[in-house]
C-alpha atoms as a PDB file:
ATOM      1  CA  MET A   1      74.880  -9.728 -47.605  1.00  0.00           C
ATOM      2  CA  THR A   2      77.415 -12.100 -47.431  1.00  0.00           C
ATOM      3  CA  VAL A   3      76.315 -15.856 -48.612  1.00  0.00           C
ATOM      4  CA  THR A   4      78.845 -19.013 -48.341  1.00  0.00           C
ATOM      5  CA  HIS A   5      78.920 -21.219 -51.695  1.00  0.00           C
ATOM      6  CA  ILE A   6      79.158 -24.765 -50.883  1.00  0.00           C
ATOM      7  CA  LEU A   7      79.865 -26.881 -54.207  1.00  0.00           C
ATOM      8  CA  LEU A   8      79.000 -30.376 -52.692  1.00  0.00           C
ATOM      9  CA  ASN A   9      81.052 -33.323 -52.797  1.00  0.00           C
ATOM     10  CA  ASP A  10      80.289 -36.636 -52.768  1.00  0.00           C
ATOM     11  CA  GLN A  11      83.693 -37.660 -51.295  1.00  0.00           C
ATOM     12  CA  ASN A  12      83.347 -35.462 -48.249  1.00  0.00           C
ATOM     13  CA  PRO A  13      81.150 -37.072 -45.555  1.00  0.00           C
ATOM     14  CA  LEU A  14      79.728 -34.002 -43.930  1.00  0.00           C
ATOM     15  CA  HIS A  15      78.320 -32.863 -47.628  1.00  0.00           C
ATOM     16  CA  ARG A  16      76.434 -36.007 -48.271  1.00  0.00           C
ATOM     17  CA  GLU A  17      74.419 -35.900 -45.294  1.00  0.00           C
ATOM     18  CA  LEU A  18      73.097 -32.587 -45.670  1.00  0.00           C
ATOM     19  CA  PRO A  19      68.990 -32.810 -46.903  1.00  0.00           C
ATOM     20  CA  ILE A  20      69.598 -30.715 -49.617  1.00  0.00           C
ATOM     21  CA  CYS A  21      72.412 -33.906 -51.458  1.00  0.00           C
ATOM     22  CA  ARG A  22      69.184 -36.078 -52.725  1.00  0.00           C
ATOM     23  CA  SER A  23      69.699 -39.650 -54.228  1.00  0.00           C
ATOM     24  CA  GLY A  24      67.486 -43.204 -55.261  1.00  0.00           C
ATOM     25  CA  LYS A  25      66.855 -45.778 -56.326  1.00  0.00           C
ATOM     26  CA  ILE A  26      65.063 -47.351 -59.077  1.00  0.00           C
ATOM     27  CA  GLY A  27      63.508 -51.137 -58.705  1.00  0.00           C
ATOM     28  CA  THR A  28      62.176 -54.129 -60.638  1.00  0.00           C
ATOM     29  CA  ILE A  29      59.131 -55.305 -58.685  1.00  0.00           C
ATOM     30  CA  ARG A  30      55.696 -56.714 -59.313  1.00  0.00           C
ATOM     31  CA  LEU A  31      52.924 -54.286 -58.867  1.00  0.00           C
ATOM     32  CA  ALA A  32      50.412 -58.244 -58.802  1.00  0.00           C
ATOM     33  CA  ASP A  33      53.111 -59.344 -56.058  1.00  0.00           C
ATOM     34  CA  LYS A  34      50.478 -60.240 -52.292  1.00  0.00           C
ATOM     35  CA  ASN A  35      54.054 -59.480 -50.945  1.00  0.00           C
ATOM     36  CA  TYR A  36      56.406 -56.383 -51.753  1.00  0.00           C
ATOM     37  CA  LYS A  37      59.768 -57.676 -53.493  1.00  0.00           C
ATOM     38  CA  VAL A  38      62.678 -56.413 -55.219  1.00  0.00           C
ATOM     39  CA  TYR A  39      63.411 -58.156 -57.943  1.00  0.00           C
ATOM     40  CA  ASP A  40      66.511 -55.612 -58.894  1.00  0.00           C
ATOM     41  CA  SER A  41      67.531 -52.269 -58.417  1.00  0.00           C
ATOM     42  CA  MET A  42      69.915 -49.989 -59.925  1.00  0.00           C
ATOM     43  CA  GLU A  43      71.028 -46.562 -57.807  1.00  0.00           C
ATOM     44  CA  ILE A  44      70.289 -43.385 -58.575  1.00  0.00           C
ATOM     45  CA  SER A  45      73.290 -40.439 -57.838  1.00  0.00           C
ATOM     46  CA  ALA A  46      72.950 -37.399 -56.464  1.00  0.00           C
ATOM     47  CA  HIS A  47      75.066 -36.296 -59.931  1.00  0.00           C
ATOM     48  CA  ASP A  48      72.422 -38.388 -61.605  1.00  0.00           C
ATOM     49  CA  TYR A  49      69.592 -37.274 -58.697  1.00  0.00           C
ATOM     50  CA  THR A  50      70.424 -33.644 -59.576  1.00  0.00           C
ATOM     51  CA  ALA A  51      70.295 -34.385 -63.327  1.00  0.00           C
ATOM     52  CA  LEU A  52      67.424 -35.677 -63.495  1.00  0.00           C
ATOM     53  CA  PHE A  53      65.976 -32.833 -62.922  1.00  0.00           C
ATOM     54  CA  HIS A  54      67.812 -30.143 -64.120  1.00  0.00           C
ATOM     55  CA  TYR A  55      67.823 -31.147 -67.706  1.00  0.00           C
ATOM     56  CA  GLY A  56      64.595 -31.460 -67.203  1.00  0.00           C
ATOM     57  CA  VAL A  57      63.960 -34.943 -67.631  1.00  0.00           C
ATOM     58  CA  ILE A  58      61.535 -36.039 -64.511  1.00  0.00           C
ATOM     59  CA  GLU A  59      59.367 -33.507 -66.201  1.00  0.00           C
ATOM     60  CA  GLN A  60      60.003 -35.305 -69.938  1.00  0.00           C
ATOM     61  CA  LEU A  61      59.043 -38.900 -67.813  1.00  0.00           C
ATOM     62  CA  ASN A  62      55.561 -37.337 -66.183  1.00  0.00           C
ATOM     63  CA  ALA A  63      54.069 -37.838 -69.078  1.00  0.00           C
ATOM     64  CA  LEU A  64      53.621 -41.309 -68.622  1.00  0.00           C
ATOM     65  CA  PRO A  65      51.129 -43.110 -65.295  1.00  0.00           C
ATOM     66  CA  PHE A  66      52.857 -43.088 -62.792  1.00  0.00           C
ATOM     67  CA  ILE A  67      50.701 -43.916 -59.511  1.00  0.00           C
ATOM     68  CA  SER A  68      51.907 -42.421 -56.863  1.00  0.00           C
ATOM     69  CA  GLU A  69      51.000 -42.056 -52.758  1.00  0.00           C
ATOM     70  CA  SER A  70      51.182 -38.431 -53.343  1.00  0.00           C
ATOM     71  CA  ASN A  71      49.466 -38.209 -56.827  1.00  0.00           C
ATOM     72  CA  ASN A  72      52.081 -35.950 -58.021  1.00  0.00           C
ATOM     73  CA  GLY A  73      53.654 -38.656 -60.141  1.00  0.00           C
ATOM     74  CA  LEU A  74      57.369 -38.751 -60.490  1.00  0.00           C
ATOM     75  CA  ASP A  75      59.024 -35.545 -57.823  1.00  0.00           C
ATOM     76  CA  SER A  76      61.438 -35.852 -55.591  1.00  0.00           C
ATOM     77  CA  TRP A  77      61.187 -36.898 -51.867  1.00  0.00           C
ATOM     78  CA  ASP A  78      58.202 -39.747 -53.494  1.00  0.00           C
ATOM     79  CA  GLU A  79      57.918 -42.844 -54.511  1.00  0.00           C
ATOM     80  CA  ALA A  80      55.861 -44.109 -57.657  1.00  0.00           C
ATOM     81  CA  PHE A  81      55.500 -47.288 -59.965  1.00  0.00           C
ATOM     82  CA  LEU A  82      55.391 -47.557 -63.523  1.00  0.00           C
ATOM     83  CA  PRO A  83      53.367 -50.446 -64.961  1.00  0.00           C
ATOM     84  CA  SER A  84      55.244 -52.541 -67.663  1.00  0.00           C
ATOM     85  CA  GLY A  85      52.387 -51.123 -69.869  1.00  0.00           C
ATOM     86  CA  SER A  86      54.425 -47.691 -70.174  1.00  0.00           C
ATOM     87  CA  ILE A  87      58.044 -48.979 -69.851  1.00  0.00           C
ATOM     88  CA  GLY A  88      58.687 -48.348 -73.748  1.00  0.00           C
ATOM     89  CA  LYS A  89      57.549 -45.208 -73.908  1.00  0.00           C
ATOM     90  CA  MET A  90      58.969 -44.480 -71.154  1.00  0.00           C
ATOM     91  CA  ILE A  91      62.315 -45.698 -72.901  1.00  0.00           C
ATOM     92  CA  GLU A  92      61.342 -43.953 -76.040  1.00  0.00           C
ATOM     93  CA  ILE A  93      61.559 -40.761 -74.225  1.00  0.00           C
ATOM     94  CA  ILE A  94      65.007 -41.609 -72.161  1.00  0.00           C
ATOM     95  CA  ASP A  95      66.531 -41.609 -75.950  1.00  0.00           C
ATOM     96  CA  GLY A  96      65.197 -38.585 -77.238  1.00  0.00           C
ATOM     97  CA  CYS A  97      66.370 -37.078 -73.249  1.00  0.00           C
ATOM     98  CA  ILE A  98      69.572 -38.801 -74.255  1.00  0.00           C
ATOM     99  CA  VAL A  99      69.796 -36.155 -77.495  1.00  0.00           C
ATOM    100  CA  GLU A 100      68.269 -33.549 -75.951  1.00  0.00           C
ATOM    101  CA  ILE A 101      71.551 -33.152 -73.280  1.00  0.00           C
ATOM    102  CA  GLY A 102      74.512 -34.875 -76.003  1.00  0.00           C
ATOM    103  CA  GLY A 103      76.550 -31.754 -76.666  1.00  0.00           C
ATOM    104  CA  LYS A 104      75.932 -30.078 -73.639  1.00  0.00           C
ATOM    105  CA  SER A 105      79.070 -28.516 -71.578  1.00  0.00           C
ATOM    106  CA  PRO A 106      79.403 -29.137 -67.395  1.00  0.00           C
ATOM    107  CA  GLU A 107      77.946 -27.111 -65.340  1.00  0.00           C
ATOM    108  CA  LYS A 108      77.521 -26.068 -62.079  1.00  0.00           C
ATOM    109  CA  VAL A 109      73.898 -26.180 -60.755  1.00  0.00           C
ATOM    110  CA  MET A 110      71.898 -24.115 -57.578  1.00  0.00           C
ATOM    111  CA  LEU A 111      70.215 -27.471 -55.526  1.00  0.00           C
ATOM    112  CA  GLY A 112      68.993 -24.696 -53.451  1.00  0.00           C
ATOM    113  CA  TRP A 113      69.748 -21.586 -50.144  1.00  0.00           C
ATOM    114  CA  GLN A 114      69.167 -21.071 -46.190  1.00  0.00           C
ATOM    115  CA  ASP A 115      68.768 -17.988 -44.775  1.00  0.00           C
ATOM    116  CA  ASP A 116      68.990 -19.240 -41.396  1.00  0.00           C
ATOM    117  CA  PRO A 117      71.023 -19.184 -39.496  1.00  0.00           C
ATOM    118  CA  GLU A 118      73.028 -18.173 -42.020  1.00  0.00           C
ATOM    119  CA  ARG A 119      73.131 -17.741 -45.602  1.00  0.00           C
ATOM    120  CA  ILE A 120      74.446 -20.093 -47.670  1.00  0.00           C
ATOM    121  CA  ALA A 121      73.950 -21.499 -51.316  1.00  0.00           C
ATOM    122  CA  TYR A 122      74.368 -25.271 -51.710  1.00  0.00           C
ATOM    123  CA  TRP A 123      75.827 -26.203 -55.456  1.00  0.00           C
ATOM    124  CA  ARG A 124      76.358 -28.796 -57.386  1.00  0.00           C
ATOM    125  CA  GLU A 125      78.924 -29.751 -60.218  1.00  0.00           C
ATOM    126  CA  ILE A 126      77.012 -32.091 -63.027  1.00  0.00           C
ATOM    127  CA  ASP A 127      78.636 -33.644 -66.467  1.00  0.00           C
ATOM    128  CA  PRO A 128      76.282 -34.280 -69.112  1.00  0.00           C
ATOM    129  CA  GLU A 129      78.769 -37.223 -70.102  1.00  0.00           C
ATOM    130  CA  ARG A 130      78.215 -38.776 -66.934  1.00  0.00           C
ATOM    131  CA  THR A 131      74.529 -37.940 -67.490  1.00  0.00           C
ATOM    132  CA  ILE A 132      73.815 -39.528 -70.511  1.00  0.00           C
ATOM    133  CA  ASP A 133      76.603 -42.397 -68.920  1.00  0.00           C
ATOM    134  CA  PHE A 134      73.538 -43.329 -66.345  1.00  0.00           C
ATOM    135  CA  LEU A 135      70.067 -42.389 -68.707  1.00  0.00           C
ATOM    136  CA  ARG A 136      72.095 -45.631 -70.930  1.00  0.00           C
ATOM    137  CA  ASN A 137      72.389 -47.860 -67.847  1.00  0.00           C
ATOM    138  CA  LEU A 138      68.495 -46.816 -66.973  1.00  0.00           C
ATOM    139  CA  LYS A 139      66.888 -47.329 -70.408  1.00  0.00           C
ATOM    140  CA  ASP A 140      69.135 -51.244 -70.277  1.00  0.00           C
ATOM    141  CA  PHE A 141      67.821 -51.887 -66.913  1.00  0.00           C
ATOM    142  CA  SER A 142      64.134 -50.877 -67.693  1.00  0.00           C
ATOM    143  CA  ALA A 143      64.499 -52.554 -71.854  1.00  0.00           C
ATOM    144  CA  LYS A 144      65.204 -55.824 -69.031  1.00  0.00           C
ATOM    145  CA  THR A 145      63.219 -54.947 -66.923  1.00  0.00           C
ATOM    146  CA  LEU A 146      59.928 -55.424 -69.703  1.00  0.00           C
ATOM    147  CA  ASP A 147      61.795 -58.139 -71.506  1.00  0.00           C
ATOM    148  CA  ARG A 148      60.437 -59.923 -67.927  1.00  0.00           C
ATOM    149  CA  GLY A 149      57.111 -58.620 -67.273  1.00  0.00           C
ATOM    150  CA  TYR A 150      57.977 -56.500 -64.460  1.00  0.00           C
ATOM    151  CA  ASP A 151      57.318 -53.330 -62.982  1.00  0.00           C
ATOM    152  CA  LEU A 152      59.222 -50.058 -61.864  1.00  0.00           C
ATOM    153  CA  GLU A 153      59.390 -48.275 -59.115  1.00  0.00           C
ATOM    154  CA  PHE A 154      61.213 -44.953 -58.498  1.00  0.00           C
ATOM    155  CA  ILE A 155      62.408 -43.855 -55.253  1.00  0.00           C
ATOM    156  CA  LEU A 156      62.851 -40.350 -55.147  1.00  0.00           C
END
């Protein structure tokens, strides 16, 4: 059986339109606000989205009391909220993840596959240094959010 292997390229608009090419956003909000308002936000690129799951960052963050409709905490295709009282612990977890990811080599990870109408395997290259840069930015963003007394919203 022949399988077509596609290495996703974020510069290719056709690849960006594939459902398996996921990205996300993290917003600074106030859960107590009567009306929904995002005070600040940062993007999660498709590369970083993949890396967060591949390196187990999402799994570790799920030790925190995220609020979500699905009650699954942080999960793909979902929205979850983290109250400000847990952001300090999140920053500690991120610090640990940075240490764990440090020294790893770039690699290709399989995102998924399909059998019909043809067999296709979807791959993405992830770079640990790029992931560490993202995690440091997330840490800074989260610290600023905590200092201002806001909560976090993750849209994955």
